[in-house]
Amino acid sequence: MKSIDVFKALDLVPHTLIIVTAGDPDNPSRRGGLTAAWGTRVSWDPPLYAVSIAPSRYTYQLIKEFNAFAVHTVSKKLEDAAMNIFGSLSGRDADKFKLLGIEPVKARRIKAVSR
């Protein structure tokens, strides 16, 4: 068997674009979201999902503060819109939901902003 660089190997693992949101849906300055490609289900019971987010990201800070996040799948049709807003702007500087004309709502089962 041929050995390859670990980073090249990780690039071979399929991944899907998702949007991760967190924070207070009623407070535009305390909510945010970002696009992510590294996420996976880690448990059925309890239902748990893990996602890789850099500590420097505003959404990471919101997840730490609110202790919850929501995951949203992105269709191929909406990938460009997701990347242009949730993948390019910081929630520190812009209300991404307002820019896309999305009204965030409280998640039903967790304390996180959702749509």
N, C-alpha and C. Protein backbone atom coordinates (compact mmCIF):
# COMPACT_ATOMS: atom_id res chain seq x y z
N MET A 1 0.84 -1.17 0.00
CA MET A 1 0.00 0.00 0.00
C MET A 1 0.90 1.24 0.00
N LYS A 2 0.52 2.22 -0.80
CA LYS A 2 1.28 3.45 -0.92
C LYS A 2 0.90 4.43 0.20
N SER A 3 1.87 5.08 0.79
CA SER A 3 1.62 6.10 1.80
C SER A 3 1.49 7.46 1.13
N ILE A 4 0.56 8.28 1.65
CA ILE A 4 0.43 9.65 1.16
C ILE A 4 0.43 10.59 2.36
N ASP A 5 0.68 11.85 2.07
CA ASP A 5 0.69 12.89 3.09
C ASP A 5 -0.68 12.95 3.78
N VAL A 6 -0.69 13.14 5.09
CA VAL A 6 -1.94 13.15 5.86
C VAL A 6 -2.89 14.25 5.37
N PHE A 7 -2.38 15.40 4.97
CA PHE A 7 -3.24 16.49 4.50
C PHE A 7 -3.88 16.14 3.16
N LYS A 8 -3.15 15.46 2.30
CA LYS A 8 -3.72 14.99 1.04
C LYS A 8 -4.78 13.93 1.31
N ALA A 9 -4.53 13.08 2.28
CA ALA A 9 -5.51 12.05 2.64
C ALA A 9 -6.80 12.68 3.15
N LEU A 10 -6.68 13.69 3.99
CA LEU A 10 -7.88 14.35 4.52
C LEU A 10 -8.68 15.03 3.41
N ASP A 11 -8.00 15.54 2.39
CA ASP A 11 -8.70 16.15 1.26
C ASP A 11 -9.53 15.13 0.48
N LEU A 12 -9.20 13.87 0.59
CA LEU A 12 -9.94 12.82 -0.12
C LEU A 12 -11.24 12.43 0.58
N VAL A 13 -11.39 12.83 1.83
CA VAL A 13 -12.61 12.52 2.58
C VAL A 13 -13.74 13.43 2.09
N PRO A 14 -14.85 12.85 1.63
CA PRO A 14 -15.95 13.68 1.14
C PRO A 14 -16.52 14.56 2.26
N HIS A 15 -16.92 15.78 1.89
CA HIS A 15 -17.55 16.66 2.86
C HIS A 15 -18.59 17.53 2.16
N THR A 16 -19.57 17.94 2.93
CA THR A 16 -20.69 18.72 2.43
C THR A 16 -20.65 20.11 3.05
N LEU A 17 -21.01 21.11 2.27
CA LEU A 17 -21.08 22.47 2.80
C LEU A 17 -22.29 22.59 3.72
N ILE A 18 -22.06 23.12 4.91
CA ILE A 18 -23.13 23.37 5.87
C ILE A 18 -23.01 24.80 6.39
N ILE A 19 -24.07 25.30 6.96
CA ILE A 19 -24.04 26.57 7.69
C ILE A 19 -24.26 26.23 9.15
N VAL A 20 -23.40 26.76 10.00
CA VAL A 20 -23.50 26.58 11.45
C VAL A 20 -23.93 27.92 12.02
N THR A 21 -25.01 27.94 12.81
CA THR A 21 -25.49 29.17 13.42
C THR A 21 -25.51 29.04 14.94
N ALA A 22 -25.40 30.17 15.61
CA ALA A 22 -25.42 30.19 17.07
C ALA A 22 -25.80 31.59 17.54
N GLY A 23 -26.20 31.67 18.80
CA GLY A 23 -26.46 32.97 19.40
C GLY A 23 -27.92 33.22 19.72
N ASP A 24 -28.26 34.49 19.85
CA ASP A 24 -29.60 34.94 20.25
C ASP A 24 -30.35 35.43 19.01
N PRO A 25 -31.41 34.73 18.58
CA PRO A 25 -32.12 35.15 17.38
C PRO A 25 -32.79 36.51 17.50
N ASP A 26 -33.03 36.97 18.72
CA ASP A 26 -33.69 38.25 18.93
C ASP A 26 -32.72 39.43 19.02
N ASN A 27 -31.42 39.16 18.99
CA ASN A 27 -30.42 40.21 19.14
C ASN A 27 -29.41 40.13 18.00
N PRO A 28 -29.54 41.00 16.98
CA PRO A 28 -28.65 40.93 15.82
C PRO A 28 -27.16 41.02 16.16
N SER A 29 -26.80 41.67 17.26
CA SER A 29 -25.39 41.78 17.61
C SER A 29 -24.87 40.56 18.36
N ARG A 30 -25.76 39.63 18.71
CA ARG A 30 -25.36 38.43 19.45
C ARG A 30 -25.76 37.15 18.73
N ARG A 31 -25.80 37.20 17.41
CA ARG A 31 -26.09 36.00 16.62
C ARG A 31 -25.15 35.97 15.43
N GLY A 32 -24.94 34.78 14.91
CA GLY A 32 -24.05 34.67 13.76
C GLY A 32 -24.08 33.28 13.17
N GLY A 33 -23.32 33.14 12.13
CA GLY A 33 -23.22 31.85 11.47
C GLY A 33 -22.08 31.87 10.48
N LEU A 34 -21.66 30.69 10.08
CA LEU A 34 -20.58 30.58 9.11
C LEU A 34 -20.75 29.31 8.30
N THR A 35 -20.08 29.27 7.17
CA THR A 35 -20.06 28.04 6.39
C THR A 35 -18.96 27.15 6.93
N ALA A 36 -19.20 25.86 6.86
CA ALA A 36 -18.21 24.88 7.31
C ALA A 36 -18.30 23.66 6.40
N ALA A 37 -17.19 22.98 6.27
CA ALA A 37 -17.17 21.76 5.44
C ALA A 37 -16.77 20.54 6.26
N TRP A 38 -16.24 20.75 7.45
CA TRP A 38 -15.79 19.64 8.28
C TRP A 38 -16.76 19.43 9.43
N GLY A 39 -17.70 18.53 9.24
CA GLY A 39 -18.65 18.20 10.28
C GLY A 39 -19.11 16.77 10.12
N THR A 40 -19.54 16.16 11.23
CA THR A 40 -19.99 14.78 11.19
C THR A 40 -20.85 14.43 12.40
N ARG A 41 -21.74 13.49 12.22
CA ARG A 41 -22.50 12.96 13.35
C ARG A 41 -21.54 12.13 14.20
N VAL A 42 -21.61 12.30 15.51
CA VAL A 42 -20.71 11.55 16.40
C VAL A 42 -21.46 10.65 17.38
N SER A 43 -22.79 10.80 17.47
CA SER A 43 -23.55 9.95 18.38
C SER A 43 -25.02 9.93 17.98
N TRP A 44 -25.63 8.76 18.11
CA TRP A 44 -27.07 8.63 17.91
C TRP A 44 -27.83 8.98 19.18
N ASP A 45 -27.31 8.52 20.31
CA ASP A 45 -28.01 8.70 21.58
C ASP A 45 -27.03 9.05 22.69
N PRO A 46 -26.92 10.32 23.03
CA PRO A 46 -27.74 11.43 22.55
C PRO A 46 -27.31 11.84 21.14
N PRO A 47 -28.21 12.51 20.41
CA PRO A 47 -27.84 12.95 19.07
C PRO A 47 -26.81 14.08 19.16
N LEU A 48 -25.62 13.82 18.65
CA LEU A 48 -24.53 14.80 18.70
C LEU A 48 -23.89 14.95 17.33
N TYR A 49 -23.48 16.18 17.03
CA TYR A 49 -22.82 16.51 15.77
C TYR A 49 -21.58 17.32 16.10
N ALA A 50 -20.47 17.00 15.49
CA ALA A 50 -19.22 17.73 15.71
C ALA A 50 -18.87 18.51 14.45
N VAL A 51 -18.35 19.70 14.64
CA VAL A 51 -17.93 20.53 13.52
C VAL A 51 -16.63 21.23 13.88
N SER A 52 -15.77 21.41 12.90
CA SER A 52 -14.49 22.06 13.12
C SER A 52 -14.60 23.55 12.82
N ILE A 53 -14.41 24.38 13.86
CA ILE A 53 -14.49 25.84 13.73
C ILE A 53 -13.30 26.45 14.45
N ALA A 54 -12.61 27.35 13.79
CA ALA A 54 -11.44 28.00 14.38
C ALA A 54 -11.86 28.89 15.55
N PRO A 55 -11.10 28.88 16.64
CA PRO A 55 -11.42 29.72 17.81
C PRO A 55 -11.46 31.22 17.50
N SER A 56 -10.84 31.65 16.42
CA SER A 56 -10.84 33.07 16.07
C SER A 56 -12.17 33.52 15.47
N ARG A 57 -13.03 32.61 15.10
CA ARG A 57 -14.29 32.95 14.45
C ARG A 57 -15.32 33.43 15.47
N TYR A 58 -16.11 34.42 15.06
CA TYR A 58 -17.16 34.97 15.92
C TYR A 58 -18.18 33.90 16.30
N THR A 59 -18.54 33.05 15.36
CA THR A 59 -19.50 31.98 15.65
C THR A 59 -18.97 31.03 16.72
N TYR A 60 -17.68 30.77 16.72
CA TYR A 60 -17.07 29.94 17.76
C TYR A 60 -17.31 30.57 19.13
N GLN A 61 -17.10 31.88 19.22
CA GLN A 61 -17.32 32.59 20.49
C GLN A 61 -18.78 32.48 20.94
N LEU A 62 -19.71 32.58 19.99
CA LEU A 62 -21.13 32.45 20.32
C LEU A 62 -21.47 31.03 20.78
N ILE A 63 -20.88 30.03 20.14
CA ILE A 63 -21.11 28.65 20.55
C ILE A 63 -20.62 28.44 21.99
N LYS A 64 -19.45 28.97 22.30
CA LYS A 64 -18.92 28.85 23.66
C LYS A 64 -19.83 29.55 24.67
N GLU A 65 -20.33 30.73 24.31
CA GLU A 65 -21.18 31.51 25.22
C GLU A 65 -22.55 30.86 25.41
N PHE A 66 -23.18 30.41 24.33
CA PHE A 66 -24.54 29.88 24.40
C PHE A 66 -24.58 28.36 24.56
N ASN A 67 -23.44 27.71 24.41
CA ASN A 67 -23.29 26.26 24.59
C ASN A 67 -24.19 25.44 23.67
N ALA A 68 -24.42 25.95 22.46
CA ALA A 68 -25.24 25.23 21.49
C ALA A 68 -25.02 25.83 20.10
N PHE A 69 -25.31 25.03 19.08
CA PHE A 69 -25.28 25.52 17.72
C PHE A 69 -26.25 24.70 16.88
N ALA A 70 -26.67 25.27 15.75
CA ALA A 70 -27.55 24.57 14.82
C ALA A 70 -26.79 24.34 13.52
N VAL A 71 -27.11 23.25 12.84
CA VAL A 71 -26.46 22.90 11.57
C VAL A 71 -27.52 22.90 10.47
N HIS A 72 -27.21 23.55 9.36
CA HIS A 72 -28.13 23.66 8.23
C HIS A 72 -27.44 23.15 6.97
N THR A 73 -28.07 22.23 6.28
CA THR A 73 -27.50 21.76 5.02
C THR A 73 -27.75 22.80 3.94
N VAL A 74 -26.86 22.84 2.97
CA VAL A 74 -26.95 23.81 1.89
C VAL A 74 -27.08 23.05 0.57
N SER A 75 -28.12 23.36 -0.19
CA SER A 75 -28.28 22.71 -1.49
C SER A 75 -27.25 23.26 -2.47
N LYS A 76 -26.95 22.51 -3.50
CA LYS A 76 -26.01 22.96 -4.54
C LYS A 76 -26.46 24.30 -5.11
N LYS A 77 -27.76 24.47 -5.27
CA LYS A 77 -28.33 25.69 -5.84
C LYS A 77 -28.00 26.93 -5.00
N LEU A 78 -27.87 26.75 -3.67
CA LEU A 78 -27.65 27.89 -2.78
C LEU A 78 -26.21 28.02 -2.27
N GLU A 79 -25.30 27.18 -2.77
CA GLU A 79 -23.92 27.22 -2.28
C GLU A 79 -23.26 28.58 -2.49
N ASP A 80 -23.46 29.20 -3.66
CA ASP A 80 -22.84 30.51 -3.91
C ASP A 80 -23.35 31.57 -2.95
N ALA A 81 -24.67 31.61 -2.73
CA ALA A 81 -25.25 32.58 -1.79
C ALA A 81 -24.71 32.34 -0.39
N ALA A 82 -24.63 31.08 0.01
CA ALA A 82 -24.11 30.75 1.34
C ALA A 82 -22.67 31.22 1.49
N MET A 83 -21.86 30.96 0.48
CA MET A 83 -20.44 31.34 0.55
C MET A 83 -20.28 32.86 0.51
N ASN A 84 -21.10 33.56 -0.29
CA ASN A 84 -20.97 35.01 -0.42
C ASN A 84 -21.29 35.75 0.87
N ILE A 85 -22.18 35.22 1.68
CA ILE A 85 -22.56 35.89 2.93
C ILE A 85 -21.98 35.15 4.13
N PHE A 86 -22.40 33.92 4.36
CA PHE A 86 -21.96 33.19 5.55
C PHE A 86 -20.51 32.75 5.47
N GLY A 87 -19.95 32.69 4.26
CA GLY A 87 -18.56 32.26 4.11
C GLY A 87 -17.58 33.39 3.91
N SER A 88 -18.07 34.63 3.81
CA SER A 88 -17.18 35.74 3.49
C SER A 88 -17.19 36.88 4.50
N LEU A 89 -18.29 37.07 5.20
CA LEU A 89 -18.41 38.19 6.13
C LEU A 89 -18.33 37.71 7.57
N SER A 90 -17.88 38.59 8.46
CA SER A 90 -17.85 38.27 9.88
C SER A 90 -19.12 38.77 10.55
N GLY A 91 -19.68 37.96 11.43
CA GLY A 91 -20.85 38.36 12.21
C GLY A 91 -20.55 39.51 13.16
N ARG A 92 -19.27 39.77 13.40
CA ARG A 92 -18.90 40.94 14.22
C ARG A 92 -19.25 42.23 13.50
N ASP A 93 -19.23 42.17 12.15
CA ASP A 93 -19.38 43.38 11.33
C ASP A 93 -20.70 43.47 10.57
N ALA A 94 -21.41 42.36 10.43
CA ALA A 94 -22.61 42.37 9.59
C ALA A 94 -23.65 41.39 10.14
N ASP A 95 -24.92 41.74 9.94
CA ASP A 95 -26.02 40.83 10.26
C ASP A 95 -26.29 40.01 9.00
N LYS A 96 -25.72 38.84 8.93
CA LYS A 96 -25.81 37.99 7.75
C LYS A 96 -27.25 37.60 7.43
N PHE A 97 -28.05 37.40 8.46
CA PHE A 97 -29.44 37.02 8.26
C PHE A 97 -30.20 38.14 7.55
N LYS A 98 -30.00 39.37 8.01
CA LYS A 98 -30.66 40.52 7.40
C LYS A 98 -30.22 40.70 5.95
N LEU A 99 -28.93 40.53 5.69
CA LEU A 99 -28.42 40.68 4.32
C LEU A 99 -29.06 39.69 3.36
N LEU A 100 -29.41 38.50 3.84
CA LEU A 100 -30.05 37.50 2.99
C LEU A 100 -31.57 37.54 3.05
N GLY A 101 -32.11 38.44 3.87
CA GLY A 101 -33.56 38.53 4.01
C GLY A 101 -34.16 37.35 4.75
N ILE A 102 -33.37 36.78 5.67
CA ILE A 102 -33.81 35.62 6.46
C ILE A 102 -34.17 36.08 7.86
N GLU A 103 -35.32 35.65 8.34
CA GLU A 103 -35.73 35.95 9.71
C GLU A 103 -35.33 34.78 10.60
N PRO A 104 -34.30 34.96 11.44
CA PRO A 104 -33.89 33.85 12.31
C PRO A 104 -34.94 33.58 13.38
N VAL A 105 -35.02 32.34 13.79
CA VAL A 105 -35.97 31.93 14.82
C VAL A 105 -35.23 31.13 15.88
N LYS A 106 -35.86 30.98 17.04
CA LYS A 106 -35.28 30.14 18.09
C LYS A 106 -35.45 28.68 17.69
N ALA A 107 -34.42 27.92 17.87
CA ALA A 107 -34.50 26.48 17.59
C ALA A 107 -35.48 25.84 18.56
N ARG A 108 -36.13 24.75 18.15
CA ARG A 108 -37.15 24.11 18.98
C ARG A 108 -36.58 23.32 20.15
N ARG A 109 -35.40 22.71 19.98
CA ARG A 109 -34.89 21.81 21.02
C ARG A 109 -33.61 22.27 21.69
N ILE A 110 -32.94 23.24 21.12
CA ILE A 110 -31.68 23.71 21.68
C ILE A 110 -31.71 25.22 21.79
N LYS A 111 -30.78 25.78 22.55
CA LYS A 111 -30.67 27.23 22.67
C LYS A 111 -29.73 27.74 21.59
N ALA A 112 -30.24 27.85 20.37
CA ALA A 112 -29.42 28.33 19.26
C ALA A 112 -30.32 29.04 18.26
N VAL A 113 -29.74 29.95 17.51
CA VAL A 113 -30.46 30.61 16.44
C VAL A 113 -30.57 29.62 15.28
N SER A 114 -31.70 29.64 14.59
CA SER A 114 -31.93 28.69 13.51
C SER A 114 -32.71 29.37 12.41
N ARG A 115 -32.94 28.65 11.36
CA ARG A 115 -33.79 29.15 10.28
C ARG A 115 -34.54 28.01 9.68
